[in-house]
Amino acid sequence: MRSFFNSIPPVTKNLLIINVLMWFATIAIGINPETGSYRLVEWMGLHLFGASKFNVAQLITYMFLHDPSSFAHVFFNMFSVYMFGRTLEQVWGGKRFLFYYITTGLGAGIIQEAAWYIEYAGYISQVVEVYGWQQASMALNGLVTIGASGAVFGILLAFGMMFPNVPLYLMFIPVPIKAKWFVLGYGLIELFLGVSATSDGIAHFAHLGGMLVGVLLILYWRKKGIGNGGYY
């Protein structure tokens, strides 16, 4: 077991540890009886800009929380970080990988905020008109997102761009798929689900945001001639 953990690069290892610990902490700190929501989600989850519980730090903290009622949420996100993130860290170095991870997660949160505003602009204006801004800001607290998925989709995008022809073996598909086609297909599915405004509770535009910021960052690095070198 010790040799297994020692084989994981330090940034990837610490991201895994922090996310799992935060998942347990969310459960341990528990639910706010006044609102029925988990306290850490209320404090650190990403709320809609303008909601009374929003603060700028949530653009970072939200990506370290996961659904406390589902171990699958944190497990599959961290499994992806382990499978693909460790390779990127080995190629890029720890500092550059961490910069990429945080930046794609931050970009995902900002794009999710924009998607919320576009989707709920009419509702927000109606609530403000009827109840005033103070009451409206409290009513908007119901919009909240958590999870590392934006950064994880950024990692998938980076892996697909840097190792496009590496075959990926998926449990539900009997033949290997090249990484570039896997990433492209995943992105198109997210785009379809986001545009179709599904009510599945998943922040699809945050996923797309992570991929968009990721591709822009990688193209910028390549233009500067640091495609495989250290960022700092």
Foldseek 3Di string as FASTA:
>chain_A
DVVVLVPFDDLLSVLLVQLVVQLVVQPVQHADVVVRHGPCQLQQWAFAPLAPSHDPNNLQRQASYFDNVDPCQSVVLSVLCRVQVRVLCVQAPNVVSVVLLRQQSSQLSVQLNVLVCVVCVVVLVVCCVVPNSVVSSNVRSVDTHGHSLSSSLLSLLLCCVVQVQDWDDDPVDPDTDGSVVVSVVVLVVLVVCSVVVDPPPDSSSSNNSSNVSSVVVLVVCVVVVCNRYYPD
